[in-house]
Amino acid sequence: KLLLERLKTVEAENSSLVLENEQQRQLCENCHDDIAHQVVQALLAQKVNTVYTSDKCHDSGIQDISVDAYHTFLADS
């Protein structure tokens, strides 16, 4: 009888640990999902910033060419 009671106690503890383990696993999974989402958002923001900077550099290069052409025109006049 004592062994049967001990078995029931151990089974109850085991069930409790299984439930706690599942809750911890779910929490970790949610954290990983949140981190992955934040990484993707950061990469997208970086890409947008890179494209913006590249466009600005291109525009600046075109302006430099225009200014050089204008100075050449003035010098030749």
PDB file of N, CA and C in Angstrom:
ATOM      1  N   LYS A   1       0.835  -1.198   0.000  1.00  0.00           N
ATOM      2  CA  LYS A   1       0.000   0.000   0.000  1.00  0.00           C
ATOM      3  C   LYS A   1       0.876   1.257   0.000  1.00  0.00           C
ATOM      4  N   LEU A   2       1.937   1.252   0.757  1.00  0.00           N
ATOM      5  CA  LEU A   2       2.849   2.396   0.816  1.00  0.00           C
ATOM      6  C   LEU A   2       3.482   2.669  -0.546  1.00  0.00           C
ATOM      7  N   LEU A   3       3.857   1.589  -1.239  1.00  0.00           N
ATOM      8  CA  LEU A   3       4.443   1.755  -2.573  1.00  0.00           C
ATOM      9  C   LEU A   3       3.434   2.330  -3.558  1.00  0.00           C
ATOM     10  N   LEU A   4       2.185   1.930  -3.451  1.00  0.00           N
ATOM     11  CA  LEU A   4       1.140   2.442  -4.334  1.00  0.00           C
ATOM     12  C   LEU A   4       0.929   3.939  -4.119  1.00  0.00           C
ATOM     13  N   GLU A   5       0.915   4.368  -2.868  1.00  0.00           N
ATOM     14  CA  GLU A   5       0.786   5.801  -2.563  1.00  0.00           C
ATOM     15  C   GLU A   5       1.991   6.578  -3.095  1.00  0.00           C
ATOM     16  N   ARG A   6       3.168   6.011  -2.905  1.00  0.00           N
ATOM     17  CA  ARG A   6       4.392   6.678  -3.407  1.00  0.00           C
ATOM     18  C   ARG A   6       4.361   6.769  -4.929  1.00  0.00           C
ATOM     19  N   LEU A   7       3.879   5.718  -5.584  1.00  0.00           N
ATOM     20  CA  LEU A   7       3.763   5.713  -7.041  1.00  0.00           C
ATOM     21  C   LEU A   7       2.818   6.814  -7.509  1.00  0.00           C
ATOM     22  N   LYS A   8       1.684   6.973  -6.838  1.00  0.00           N
ATOM     23  CA  LYS A   8       0.725   8.028  -7.198  1.00  0.00           C
ATOM     24  C   LYS A   8       1.346   9.409  -7.005  1.00  0.00           C
ATOM     25  N   THR A   9       2.101   9.573  -5.921  1.00  0.00           N
ATOM     26  CA  THR A   9       2.764  10.857  -5.661  1.00  0.00           C
ATOM     27  C   THR A   9       3.779  11.171  -6.754  1.00  0.00           C
ATOM     28  N   VAL A  10       4.579  10.172  -7.108  1.00  0.00           N
ATOM     29  CA  VAL A  10       5.599  10.368  -8.147  1.00  0.00           C
ATOM     30  C   VAL A  10       4.943  10.641  -9.498  1.00  0.00           C
ATOM     31  N   GLU A  11       3.860   9.956  -9.810  1.00  0.00           N
ATOM     32  CA  GLU A  11       3.149  10.200 -11.067  1.00  0.00           C
ATOM     33  C   GLU A  11       2.568  11.609 -11.101  1.00  0.00           C
ATOM     34  N   ALA A  12       2.049  12.076  -9.985  1.00  0.00           N
ATOM     35  CA  ALA A  12       1.514  13.443  -9.913  1.00  0.00           C
ATOM     36  C   ALA A  12       2.636  14.461 -10.104  1.00  0.00           C
ATOM     37  N   GLU A  13       3.778  14.226  -9.471  1.00  0.00           N
ATOM     38  CA  GLU A  13       4.929  15.120  -9.641  1.00  0.00           C
ATOM     39  C   GLU A  13       5.395  15.111 -11.089  1.00  0.00           C
ATOM     40  N   ASN A  14       5.408  13.923 -11.689  1.00  0.00           N
ATOM     41  CA  ASN A  14       5.823  13.802 -13.083  1.00  0.00           C
ATOM     42  C   ASN A  14       4.882  14.582 -13.999  1.00  0.00           C
ATOM     43  N   SER A  15       3.588  14.455 -13.772  1.00  0.00           N
ATOM     44  CA  SER A  15       2.607  15.194 -14.579  1.00  0.00           C
ATOM     45  C   SER A  15       2.810  16.697 -14.435  1.00  0.00           C
ATOM     46  N   SER A  16       3.073  17.124 -13.212  1.00  0.00           N
ATOM     47  CA  SER A  16       3.322  18.540 -12.960  1.00  0.00           C
ATOM     48  C   SER A  16       4.571  19.011 -13.700  1.00  0.00           C
ATOM     49  N   LEU A  17       5.618  18.198 -13.669  1.00  0.00           N
ATOM     50  CA  LEU A  17       6.863  18.556 -14.362  1.00  0.00           C
ATOM     51  C   LEU A  17       6.686  18.572 -15.876  1.00  0.00           C
ATOM     52  N   VAL A  18       5.894  17.642 -16.397  1.00  0.00           N
ATOM     53  CA  VAL A  18       5.617  17.617 -17.836  1.00  0.00           C
ATOM     54  C   VAL A  18       4.896  18.898 -18.246  1.00  0.00           C
ATOM     55  N   LEU A  19       3.916  19.306 -17.469  1.00  0.00           N
ATOM     56  CA  LEU A  19       3.175  20.536 -17.758  1.00  0.00           C
ATOM     57  C   LEU A  19       4.092  21.752 -17.683  1.00  0.00           C
ATOM     58  N   GLU A  20       4.908  21.817 -16.643  1.00  0.00           N
ATOM     59  CA  GLU A  20       5.843  22.936 -16.491  1.00  0.00           C
ATOM     60  C   GLU A  20       6.834  22.967 -17.648  1.00  0.00           C
ATOM     61  N   ASN A  21       7.307  21.802 -18.059  1.00  0.00           N
ATOM     62  CA  ASN A  21       8.235  21.717 -19.183  1.00  0.00           C
ATOM     63  C   ASN A  21       7.596  22.240 -20.468  1.00  0.00           C
ATOM     64  N   GLU A  22       6.353  21.881 -20.707  1.00  0.00           N
ATOM     65  CA  GLU A  22       5.649  22.345 -21.902  1.00  0.00           C
ATOM     66  C   GLU A  22       5.462  23.863 -21.870  1.00  0.00           C
ATOM     67  N   GLN A  23       5.147  24.394 -20.702  1.00  0.00           N
ATOM     68  CA  GLN A  23       4.993  25.843 -20.572  1.00  0.00           C
ATOM     69  C   GLN A  23       6.319  26.554 -20.841  1.00  0.00           C
ATOM     70  N   GLN A  24       7.409  26.011 -20.317  1.00  0.00           N
ATOM     71  CA  GLN A  24       8.729  26.603 -20.545  1.00  0.00           C
ATOM     72  C   GLN A  24       9.115  26.512 -22.024  1.00  0.00           C
ATOM     73  N   ARG A  25       8.812  25.382 -22.654  1.00  0.00           N
ATOM     74  CA  ARG A  25       9.109  25.219 -24.076  1.00  0.00           C
ATOM     75  C   ARG A  25       8.349  26.248 -24.903  1.00  0.00           C
ATOM     76  N   GLN A  26       7.077  26.439 -24.578  1.00  0.00           N
ATOM     77  CA  GLN A  26       6.257  27.414 -25.299  1.00  0.00           C
ATOM     78  C   GLN A  26       6.797  28.829 -25.097  1.00  0.00           C
ATOM     79  N   LEU A  27       7.204  29.140 -23.879  1.00  0.00           N
ATOM     80  CA  LEU A  27       7.773  30.454 -23.588  1.00  0.00           C
ATOM     81  C   LEU A  27       9.046  30.681 -24.392  1.00  0.00           C
ATOM     82  N   CYS A  28       9.914  29.679 -24.432  1.00  0.00           N
ATOM     83  CA  CYS A  28      11.158  29.789 -25.210  1.00  0.00           C
ATOM     84  C   CYS A  28      10.861  29.941 -26.699  1.00  0.00           C
ATOM     85  N   GLU A  29       9.893  29.196 -27.178  1.00  0.00           N
ATOM     86  CA  GLU A  29       9.516  29.283 -28.588  1.00  0.00           C
ATOM     87  C   GLU A  29       9.002  30.684 -28.918  1.00  0.00           C
ATOM     88  N   ASN A  30       8.187  31.247 -28.042  1.00  0.00           N
ATOM     89  CA  ASN A  30       7.686  32.609 -28.251  1.00  0.00           C
ATOM     90  C   ASN A  30       8.821  33.621 -28.250  1.00  0.00           C
ATOM     91  N   CYS A  31       9.781  33.441 -27.341  1.00  0.00           N
ATOM     92  CA  CYS A  31      10.935  34.350 -27.293  1.00  0.00           C
ATOM     93  C   CYS A  31      11.746  34.261 -28.583  1.00  0.00           C
ATOM     94  N   HIS A  32      11.968  33.039 -29.060  1.00  0.00           N
ATOM     95  CA  HIS A  32      12.711  32.866 -30.307  1.00  0.00           C
ATOM     96  C   HIS A  32      11.977  33.512 -31.477  1.00  0.00           C
ATOM     97  N   ASP A  33      10.664  33.364 -31.516  1.00  0.00           N
ATOM     98  CA  ASP A  33       9.873  33.993 -32.576  1.00  0.00           C
ATOM     99  C   ASP A  33       9.987  35.514 -32.509  1.00  0.00           C
ATOM    100  N   ASP A  34       9.921  36.068 -31.309  1.00  0.00           N
ATOM    101  CA  ASP A  34      10.044  37.517 -31.144  1.00  0.00           C
ATOM    102  C   ASP A  34      11.415  38.008 -31.600  1.00  0.00           C
ATOM    103  N   ILE A  35      12.455  37.289 -31.222  1.00  0.00           N
ATOM    104  CA  ILE A  35      13.815  37.674 -31.615  1.00  0.00           C
ATOM    105  C   ILE A  35      13.970  37.593 -33.129  1.00  0.00           C
ATOM    106  N   ALA A  36      13.470  36.527 -33.733  1.00  0.00           N
ATOM    107  CA  ALA A  36      13.555  36.383 -35.189  1.00  0.00           C
ATOM    108  C   ALA A  36      12.822  37.528 -35.881  1.00  0.00           C
ATOM    109  N   HIS A  37      11.665  37.900 -35.366  1.00  0.00           N
ATOM    110  CA  HIS A  37      10.900  39.011 -35.943  1.00  0.00           C
ATOM    111  C   HIS A  37      11.689  40.318 -35.838  1.00  0.00           C
ATOM    112  N   GLN A  38      12.299  40.563 -34.687  1.00  0.00           N
ATOM    113  CA  GLN A  38      13.089  41.782 -34.502  1.00  0.00           C
ATOM    114  C   GLN A  38      14.293  41.811 -35.436  1.00  0.00           C
ATOM    115  N   VAL A  39      14.933  40.664 -35.643  1.00  0.00           N
ATOM    116  CA  VAL A  39      16.079  40.594 -36.557  1.00  0.00           C
ATOM    117  C   VAL A  39      15.632  40.909 -37.980  1.00  0.00           C
ATOM    118  N   VAL A  40      14.517  40.336 -38.402  1.00  0.00           N
ATOM    119  CA  VAL A  40      13.998  40.601 -39.746  1.00  0.00           C
ATOM    120  C   VAL A  40      13.665  42.081 -39.904  1.00  0.00           C
ATOM    121  N   GLN A  41      13.025  42.671 -38.903  1.00  0.00           N
ATOM    122  CA  GLN A  41      12.688  44.093 -38.973  1.00  0.00           C
ATOM    123  C   GLN A  41      13.945  44.956 -39.063  1.00  0.00           C
ATOM    124  N   ALA A  42      14.969  44.612 -38.294  1.00  0.00           N
ATOM    125  CA  ALA A  42      16.229  45.367 -38.325  1.00  0.00           C
ATOM    126  C   ALA A  42      16.898  45.241 -39.690  1.00  0.00           C
ATOM    127  N   LEU A  43      16.890  44.045 -40.265  1.00  0.00           N
ATOM    128  CA  LEU A  43      17.488  43.852 -41.589  1.00  0.00           C
ATOM    129  C   LEU A  43      16.728  44.623 -42.662  1.00  0.00           C
ATOM    130  N   LEU A  44      15.409  44.621 -42.573  1.00  0.00           N
ATOM    131  CA  LEU A  44      14.618  45.388 -43.543  1.00  0.00           C
ATOM    132  C   LEU A  44      14.887  46.883 -43.417  1.00  0.00           C
ATOM    133  N   ALA A  45      14.972  47.368 -42.189  1.00  0.00           N
ATOM    134  CA  ALA A  45      15.266  48.791 -41.974  1.00  0.00           C
ATOM    135  C   ALA A  45      16.648  49.134 -42.511  1.00  0.00           C
ATOM    136  N   GLN A  46      17.606  48.244 -42.301  1.00  0.00           N
ATOM    137  CA  GLN A  46      18.964  48.475 -42.793  1.00  0.00           C
ATOM    138  C   GLN A  46      18.976  48.495 -44.321  1.00  0.00           C
ATOM    139  N   LYS A  47      18.213  47.599 -44.936  1.00  0.00           N
ATOM    140  CA  LYS A  47      18.153  47.571 -46.394  1.00  0.00           C
ATOM    141  C   LYS A  47      17.548  48.867 -46.931  1.00  0.00           C
ATOM    142  N   VAL A  48      16.471  49.323 -46.322  1.00  0.00           N
ATOM    143  CA  VAL A  48      15.843  50.580 -46.743  1.00  0.00           C
ATOM    144  C   VAL A  48      16.834  51.727 -46.607  1.00  0.00           C
ATOM    145  N   ASN A  49      17.559  51.763 -45.490  1.00  0.00           N
ATOM    146  CA  ASN A  49      18.539  52.817 -45.261  1.00  0.00           C
ATOM    147  C   ASN A  49      19.666  52.741 -46.292  1.00  0.00           C
ATOM    148  N   THR A  50      20.092  51.535 -46.639  1.00  0.00           N
ATOM    149  CA  THR A  50      21.156  51.363 -47.628  1.00  0.00           C
ATOM    150  C   THR A  50      20.698  51.853 -48.997  1.00  0.00           C
ATOM    151  N   VAL A  51      19.481  51.513 -49.378  1.00  0.00           N
ATOM    152  CA  VAL A  51      18.943  51.968 -50.666  1.00  0.00           C
ATOM    153  C   VAL A  51      18.828  53.488 -50.672  1.00  0.00           C
ATOM    154  N   TYR A  52      18.343  54.065 -49.579  1.00  0.00           N
ATOM    155  CA  TYR A  52      18.215  55.522 -49.480  1.00  0.00           C
ATOM    156  C   TYR A  52      19.585  56.186 -49.612  1.00  0.00           C
ATOM    157  N   THR A  53      20.578  55.662 -48.897  1.00  0.00           N
ATOM    158  CA  THR A  53      21.929  56.226 -48.944  1.00  0.00           C
ATOM    159  C   THR A  53      22.522  56.081 -50.340  1.00  0.00           C
ATOM    160  N   SER A  54      22.293  54.939 -50.964  1.00  0.00           N
ATOM    161  CA  SER A  54      22.794  54.716 -52.321  1.00  0.00           C
ATOM    162  C   SER A  54      22.165  55.706 -53.295  1.00  0.00           C
ATOM    163  N   ASP A  55      20.864  55.925 -53.163  1.00  0.00           N
ATOM    164  CA  ASP A  55      20.185  56.899 -54.026  1.00  0.00           C
ATOM    165  C   ASP A  55      20.735  58.303 -53.808  1.00  0.00           C
ATOM    166  N   LYS A  56      20.990  58.662 -52.544  1.00  0.00           N
ATOM    167  CA  LYS A  56      21.538  59.991 -52.248  1.00  0.00           C
ATOM    168  C   LYS A  56      22.932  60.145 -52.853  1.00  0.00           C
ATOM    169  N   CYS A  57      23.755  59.090 -52.768  1.00  0.00           N
ATOM    170  CA  CYS A  57      25.098  59.140 -53.355  1.00  0.00           C
ATOM    171  C   CYS A  57      25.006  59.303 -54.867  1.00  0.00           C
ATOM    172  N   HIS A  58      24.080  58.577 -55.485  1.00  0.00           N
ATOM    173  CA  HIS A  58      23.885  58.681 -56.928  1.00  0.00           C
ATOM    174  C   HIS A  58      23.448  60.101 -57.302  1.00  0.00           C
ATOM    175  N   ASP A  59      22.478  60.639 -56.556  1.00  0.00           N
ATOM    176  CA  ASP A  59      22.006  62.005 -56.810  1.00  0.00           C
ATOM    177  C   ASP A  59      23.134  63.008 -56.638  1.00  0.00           C
ATOM    178  N   SER A  60      23.954  62.816 -55.615  1.00  0.00           N
ATOM    179  CA  SER A  60      25.077  63.717 -55.368  1.00  0.00           C
ATOM    180  C   SER A  60      26.074  63.647 -56.520  1.00  0.00           C
ATOM    181  N   GLY A  61      26.308  62.444 -57.031  1.00  0.00           N
ATOM    182  CA  GLY A  61      27.216  62.284 -58.168  1.00  0.00           C
ATOM    183  C   GLY A  61      26.692  62.995 -59.396  1.00  0.00           C
ATOM    184  N   ILE A  62      25.395  62.907 -59.642  1.00  0.00           N
ATOM    185  CA  ILE A  62      24.785  63.604 -60.782  1.00  0.00           C
ATOM    186  C   ILE A  62      24.912  65.114 -60.602  1.00  0.00           C
ATOM    187  N   GLN A  63      24.691  65.599 -59.379  1.00  0.00           N
ATOM    188  CA  GLN A  63      24.834  67.031 -59.116  1.00  0.00           C
ATOM    189  C   GLN A  63      26.274  67.479 -59.346  1.00  0.00           C
ATOM    190  N   ASP A  64      27.241  66.673 -58.937  1.00  0.00           N
ATOM    191  CA  ASP A  64      28.649  67.010 -59.162  1.00  0.00           C
ATOM    192  C   ASP A  64      28.953  67.114 -60.648  1.00  0.00           C
ATOM    193  N   ILE A  65      28.426  66.179 -61.429  1.00  0.00           N
ATOM    194  CA  ILE A  65      28.640  66.212 -62.881  1.00  0.00           C
ATOM    195  C   ILE A  65      28.010  67.467 -63.469  1.00  0.00           C
ATOM    196  N   SER A  66      26.817  67.818 -63.005  1.00  0.00           N
ATOM    197  CA  SER A  66      26.134  69.013 -63.511  1.00  0.00           C
ATOM    198  C   SER A  66      26.913  70.275 -63.164  1.00  0.00           C
ATOM    199  N   VAL A  67      27.412  70.350 -61.928  1.00  0.00           N
ATOM    200  CA  VAL A  67      28.188  71.522 -61.506  1.00  0.00           C
ATOM    201  C   VAL A  67      29.479  71.609 -62.306  1.00  0.00           C
ATOM    202  N   ASP A  68      30.155  70.483 -62.501  1.00  0.00           N
ATOM    203  CA  ASP A  68      31.389  70.477 -63.299  1.00  0.00           C
ATOM    204  C   ASP A  68      31.111  70.924 -64.727  1.00  0.00           C
ATOM    205  N   ALA A  69      30.024  70.443 -65.301  1.00  0.00           N
ATOM    206  CA  ALA A  69      29.672  70.832 -66.668  1.00  0.00           C
ATOM    207  C   ALA A  69      29.359  72.323 -66.730  1.00  0.00           C
ATOM    208  N   TYR A  70      28.677  72.829 -65.718  1.00  0.00           N
ATOM    209  CA  TYR A  70      28.352  74.254 -65.682  1.00  0.00           C
ATOM    210  C   TYR A  70      29.624  75.093 -65.563  1.00  0.00           C
ATOM    211  N   HIS A  71      30.553  74.677 -64.703  1.00  0.00           N
ATOM    212  CA  HIS A  71      31.819  75.403 -64.560  1.00  0.00           C
ATOM    213  C   HIS A  71      32.624  75.353 -65.854  1.00  0.00           C
ATOM    214  N   THR A  72      32.604  74.225 -66.533  1.00  0.00           N
ATOM    215  CA  THR A  72      33.299  74.104 -67.821  1.00  0.00           C
ATOM    216  C   THR A  72      32.656  75.038 -68.835  1.00  0.00           C
ATOM    217  N   PHE A  73      31.335  75.099 -68.837  1.00  0.00           N
ATOM    218  CA  PHE A  73      30.621  75.985 -69.750  1.00  0.00           C
ATOM    219  C   PHE A  73      30.991  77.443 -69.480  1.00  0.00           C
ATOM    220  N   LEU A  74      31.026  77.826 -68.191  1.00  0.00           N
ATOM    221  CA  LEU A  74      31.380  79.200 -67.841  1.00  0.00           C
ATOM    222  C   LEU A  74      32.822  79.511 -68.213  1.00  0.00           C
ATOM    223  N   ALA A  75      33.698  78.557 -68.026  1.00  0.00           N
ATOM    224  CA  ALA A  75      35.114  78.775 -68.344  1.00  0.00           C
ATOM    225  C   ALA A  75      35.317  78.912 -69.846  1.00  0.00           C
ATOM    226  N   ASP A  76      34.533  78.194 -70.627  1.00  0.00           N
ATOM    227  CA  ASP A  76      34.663  78.245 -72.086  1.00  0.00           C
ATOM    228  C   ASP A  76      33.996  79.480 -72.680  1.00  0.00           C
ATOM    229  N   SER A  77      33.119  80.126 -71.923  1.00  0.00           N
ATOM    230  CA  SER A  77      32.372  81.274 -72.459  1.00  0.00           C
ATOM    231  C   SER A  77      33.196  82.527 -72.466  1.00  0.00           C
TER     232      SER A  77
END
